N, C-alpha and C. Protein backbone atom coordinates (compact mmCIF):
# COMPACT_ATOMS: atom_id res chain seq x y z
N MET A 1 0.83 -1.17 0.00
CA MET A 1 0.00 0.00 0.00
C MET A 1 0.87 1.23 0.00
N SER A 2 0.33 2.27 -0.52
CA SER A 2 1.09 3.50 -0.59
C SER A 2 0.56 4.51 0.41
N GLY A 3 1.43 5.28 0.99
CA GLY A 3 1.09 6.42 1.82
C GLY A 3 0.20 6.13 3.03
N SER A 4 -1.08 6.04 2.81
CA SER A 4 -2.00 5.89 3.95
C SER A 4 -2.56 4.48 3.98
N GLU A 5 -2.36 3.84 5.11
CA GLU A 5 -2.88 2.50 5.31
C GLU A 5 -4.11 2.56 6.20
N ILE A 6 -5.05 1.70 5.95
CA ILE A 6 -6.27 1.65 6.74
C ILE A 6 -6.08 0.62 7.84
N SER A 7 -6.30 1.05 9.07
CA SER A 7 -6.16 0.15 10.21
C SER A 7 -7.50 -0.50 10.52
N LEU A 8 -7.50 -1.80 10.73
CA LEU A 8 -8.73 -2.52 11.06
C LEU A 8 -9.00 -2.54 12.55
N VAL A 9 -8.04 -2.08 13.35
CA VAL A 9 -8.21 -2.04 14.79
C VAL A 9 -8.76 -0.66 15.16
N PRO A 10 -9.93 -0.61 15.81
CA PRO A 10 -10.49 0.71 16.15
C PRO A 10 -9.68 1.40 17.23
N ALA A 11 -9.69 2.70 17.19
CA ALA A 11 -8.99 3.48 18.20
C ALA A 11 -9.77 3.43 19.50
N THR A 12 -9.08 3.49 20.61
CA THR A 12 -9.75 3.48 21.90
C THR A 12 -10.36 4.86 22.15
N ALA A 13 -11.49 4.88 22.81
CA ALA A 13 -12.16 6.13 23.13
C ALA A 13 -11.51 6.75 24.36
N SER A 14 -11.44 8.06 24.36
CA SER A 14 -10.88 8.74 25.52
C SER A 14 -11.91 8.76 26.64
N ALA A 15 -11.44 9.04 27.83
CA ALA A 15 -12.34 9.09 28.99
C ALA A 15 -13.35 10.22 28.84
N LYS A 16 -12.92 11.30 28.20
CA LYS A 16 -13.82 12.44 28.01
C LYS A 16 -14.96 12.09 27.06
N SER A 17 -14.67 11.38 25.98
CA SER A 17 -15.73 11.01 25.04
C SER A 17 -16.65 9.94 25.61
N GLN A 18 -16.10 9.06 26.45
CA GLN A 18 -16.94 8.05 27.10
C GLN A 18 -17.89 8.69 28.10
N SER A 19 -17.40 9.66 28.85
CA SER A 19 -18.26 10.31 29.84
C SER A 19 -19.28 11.21 29.16
N ALA A 20 -19.01 11.69 27.97
CA ALA A 20 -19.97 12.52 27.25
C ALA A 20 -21.08 11.67 26.63
N ALA A 21 -20.82 10.41 26.39
CA ALA A 21 -21.82 9.54 25.76
C ALA A 21 -22.82 9.01 26.77
N VAL A 22 -22.48 8.96 28.02
CA VAL A 22 -23.37 8.38 29.04
C VAL A 22 -24.69 9.13 29.15
N PRO A 23 -24.71 10.46 29.27
CA PRO A 23 -26.00 11.15 29.35
C PRO A 23 -26.83 10.99 28.09
N VAL A 24 -26.20 10.93 26.95
CA VAL A 24 -26.93 10.76 25.70
C VAL A 24 -27.63 9.41 25.67
N ILE A 25 -26.94 8.37 26.11
CA ILE A 25 -27.53 7.03 26.14
C ILE A 25 -28.67 6.97 27.15
N LEU A 26 -28.47 7.57 28.33
CA LEU A 26 -29.53 7.56 29.35
C LEU A 26 -30.76 8.33 28.90
N VAL A 27 -30.56 9.47 28.26
CA VAL A 27 -31.70 10.25 27.76
C VAL A 27 -32.40 9.49 26.64
N GLY A 28 -31.65 8.83 25.79
CA GLY A 28 -32.26 8.05 24.71
C GLY A 28 -33.09 6.89 25.24
N LEU A 29 -32.56 6.16 26.21
CA LEU A 29 -33.33 5.05 26.80
C LEU A 29 -34.56 5.56 27.53
N GLY A 30 -34.42 6.67 28.23
CA GLY A 30 -35.57 7.23 28.94
C GLY A 30 -36.64 7.73 27.99
N ALA A 31 -36.22 8.38 26.90
CA ALA A 31 -37.19 8.87 25.92
C ALA A 31 -37.89 7.71 25.23
N LEU A 32 -37.17 6.65 24.94
CA LEU A 32 -37.78 5.47 24.33
C LEU A 32 -38.81 4.86 25.27
N ALA A 33 -38.47 4.76 26.55
CA ALA A 33 -39.40 4.19 27.53
C ALA A 33 -40.66 5.03 27.66
N ILE A 34 -40.50 6.34 27.71
CA ILE A 34 -41.67 7.23 27.83
C ILE A 34 -42.53 7.16 26.58
N ALA A 35 -41.90 7.12 25.40
CA ALA A 35 -42.67 7.05 24.15
C ALA A 35 -43.45 5.74 24.06
N LEU A 36 -42.84 4.64 24.44
CA LEU A 36 -43.53 3.35 24.39
C LEU A 36 -44.67 3.28 25.40
N LEU A 37 -44.43 3.81 26.60
CA LEU A 37 -45.50 3.81 27.60
C LEU A 37 -46.63 4.74 27.20
N ALA A 38 -46.31 5.85 26.56
CA ALA A 38 -47.35 6.77 26.08
C ALA A 38 -48.18 6.12 24.99
N MET A 39 -47.55 5.37 24.12
CA MET A 39 -48.29 4.67 23.07
C MET A 39 -49.21 3.60 23.66
N ALA A 40 -48.81 3.02 24.78
CA ALA A 40 -49.66 2.02 25.43
C ALA A 40 -50.85 2.68 26.12
N LEU A 41 -50.70 3.93 26.53
CA LEU A 41 -51.76 4.61 27.27
C LEU A 41 -52.75 5.37 26.38
N ILE A 42 -52.38 5.66 25.14
CA ILE A 42 -53.26 6.43 24.25
C ILE A 42 -54.45 5.56 23.86
N PRO A 43 -55.66 6.07 24.05
CA PRO A 43 -56.83 5.32 23.58
C PRO A 43 -56.83 5.21 22.06
N ALA A 44 -57.18 4.05 21.56
CA ALA A 44 -57.09 3.80 20.12
C ALA A 44 -58.04 4.69 19.32
N HIS A 45 -59.16 5.05 19.89
CA HIS A 45 -60.13 5.85 19.12
C HIS A 45 -59.69 7.29 18.90
N LEU A 46 -58.62 7.72 19.59
CA LEU A 46 -58.09 9.07 19.38
C LEU A 46 -57.09 9.15 18.23
N ALA A 47 -56.75 8.03 17.66
CA ALA A 47 -55.76 8.01 16.57
C ALA A 47 -56.34 8.67 15.32
N PRO A 48 -55.53 9.45 14.60
CA PRO A 48 -56.05 10.17 13.44
C PRO A 48 -56.26 9.29 12.20
N TRP A 49 -55.57 8.17 12.11
CA TRP A 49 -55.68 7.30 10.94
C TRP A 49 -56.10 5.90 11.37
N TYR A 50 -56.75 5.21 10.47
CA TYR A 50 -57.27 3.88 10.75
C TYR A 50 -56.15 2.90 11.06
N TRP A 51 -55.06 2.96 10.31
CA TRP A 51 -53.98 2.00 10.51
C TRP A 51 -53.28 2.25 11.85
N VAL A 52 -53.23 3.51 12.31
CA VAL A 52 -52.65 3.79 13.63
C VAL A 52 -53.57 3.28 14.72
N GLU A 53 -54.88 3.40 14.50
CA GLU A 53 -55.85 2.87 15.46
C GLU A 53 -55.70 1.37 15.62
N ASN A 54 -55.54 0.67 14.51
CA ASN A 54 -55.34 -0.78 14.56
C ASN A 54 -54.02 -1.14 15.24
N LEU A 55 -52.98 -0.37 14.96
CA LEU A 55 -51.67 -0.61 15.58
C LEU A 55 -51.73 -0.43 17.08
N LEU A 56 -52.36 0.66 17.53
CA LEU A 56 -52.45 0.92 18.97
C LEU A 56 -53.33 -0.11 19.67
N ALA A 57 -54.42 -0.48 19.04
CA ALA A 57 -55.34 -1.43 19.67
C ALA A 57 -54.75 -2.84 19.72
N GLY A 58 -54.06 -3.24 18.66
CA GLY A 58 -53.56 -4.61 18.58
C GLY A 58 -52.27 -4.86 19.33
N ARG A 59 -51.49 -3.81 19.57
CA ARG A 59 -50.16 -4.01 20.17
C ARG A 59 -49.98 -3.26 21.48
N ARG A 60 -51.07 -2.94 22.15
CA ARG A 60 -51.02 -2.16 23.39
C ARG A 60 -50.17 -2.86 24.45
N GLN A 61 -50.34 -4.15 24.61
CA GLN A 61 -49.60 -4.90 25.63
C GLN A 61 -48.11 -4.94 25.29
N GLN A 62 -47.78 -5.07 24.02
CA GLN A 62 -46.37 -5.10 23.62
C GLN A 62 -45.70 -3.75 23.87
N PHE A 63 -46.44 -2.66 23.61
CA PHE A 63 -45.89 -1.33 23.90
C PHE A 63 -45.64 -1.16 25.39
N ALA A 64 -46.57 -1.62 26.21
CA ALA A 64 -46.42 -1.47 27.66
C ALA A 64 -45.24 -2.29 28.18
N ILE A 65 -45.13 -3.52 27.75
CA ILE A 65 -44.02 -4.37 28.21
C ILE A 65 -42.68 -3.82 27.73
N SER A 66 -42.62 -3.38 26.48
CA SER A 66 -41.38 -2.82 25.96
C SER A 66 -41.00 -1.53 26.68
N GLY A 67 -41.98 -0.71 27.01
CA GLY A 67 -41.71 0.52 27.75
C GLY A 67 -41.16 0.26 29.13
N VAL A 68 -41.77 -0.69 29.82
CA VAL A 68 -41.28 -1.02 31.17
C VAL A 68 -39.88 -1.63 31.09
N MET A 69 -39.65 -2.47 30.10
CA MET A 69 -38.32 -3.07 29.96
C MET A 69 -37.27 -2.01 29.62
N SER A 70 -37.61 -1.03 28.81
CA SER A 70 -36.68 0.06 28.50
C SER A 70 -36.39 0.89 29.74
N LEU A 71 -37.41 1.12 30.55
CA LEU A 71 -37.21 1.87 31.79
C LEU A 71 -36.31 1.11 32.75
N VAL A 72 -36.50 -0.19 32.85
CA VAL A 72 -35.62 -1.02 33.69
C VAL A 72 -34.19 -1.02 33.14
N ALA A 73 -34.06 -1.11 31.82
CA ALA A 73 -32.72 -1.09 31.22
C ALA A 73 -32.01 0.24 31.50
N ALA A 74 -32.74 1.35 31.44
CA ALA A 74 -32.14 2.64 31.75
C ALA A 74 -31.71 2.70 33.21
N GLY A 75 -32.52 2.13 34.10
CA GLY A 75 -32.15 2.10 35.52
C GLY A 75 -30.93 1.25 35.79
N ILE A 76 -30.87 0.08 35.18
CA ILE A 76 -29.71 -0.79 35.36
C ILE A 76 -28.45 -0.16 34.78
N PHE A 77 -28.58 0.45 33.60
CA PHE A 77 -27.43 1.11 32.98
C PHE A 77 -26.92 2.25 33.85
N SER A 78 -27.84 3.06 34.37
CA SER A 78 -27.40 4.17 35.22
C SER A 78 -26.79 3.66 36.53
N ALA A 79 -27.32 2.57 37.07
CA ALA A 79 -26.75 2.00 38.28
C ALA A 79 -25.33 1.50 38.02
N PHE A 80 -25.11 0.82 36.89
CA PHE A 80 -23.76 0.37 36.56
C PHE A 80 -22.80 1.54 36.38
N ILE A 81 -23.25 2.58 35.73
CA ILE A 81 -22.36 3.73 35.47
C ILE A 81 -22.02 4.45 36.76
N PHE A 82 -23.03 4.75 37.57
CA PHE A 82 -22.77 5.56 38.77
C PHE A 82 -22.12 4.75 39.89
N LEU A 83 -22.34 3.46 39.94
CA LEU A 83 -21.70 2.66 40.97
C LEU A 83 -20.27 2.26 40.61
N SER A 84 -19.96 2.29 39.31
CA SER A 84 -18.61 1.92 38.90
C SER A 84 -17.61 3.03 39.12
N GLY A 85 -18.08 4.23 39.32
CA GLY A 85 -17.18 5.32 39.65
C GLY A 85 -16.83 6.12 38.52
């Protein structure tokens, strides 16, 4: 190869970039949990389109379970981060 070679080994992240990613991940998991729980709580008859009404009515339990699981995942992730120092 000439001049510039491509390395297949990724560079390690600095401590500053790792600590900057933690709040972004926590906010993302929290927003996902809130959005899923909100979709589980919206009455199907309030949906503006027929296909959204069917989606909300048919998958309400899946939205609720996924929302709770996302909330638990955010809690476990934050516990690991803050307890690890």
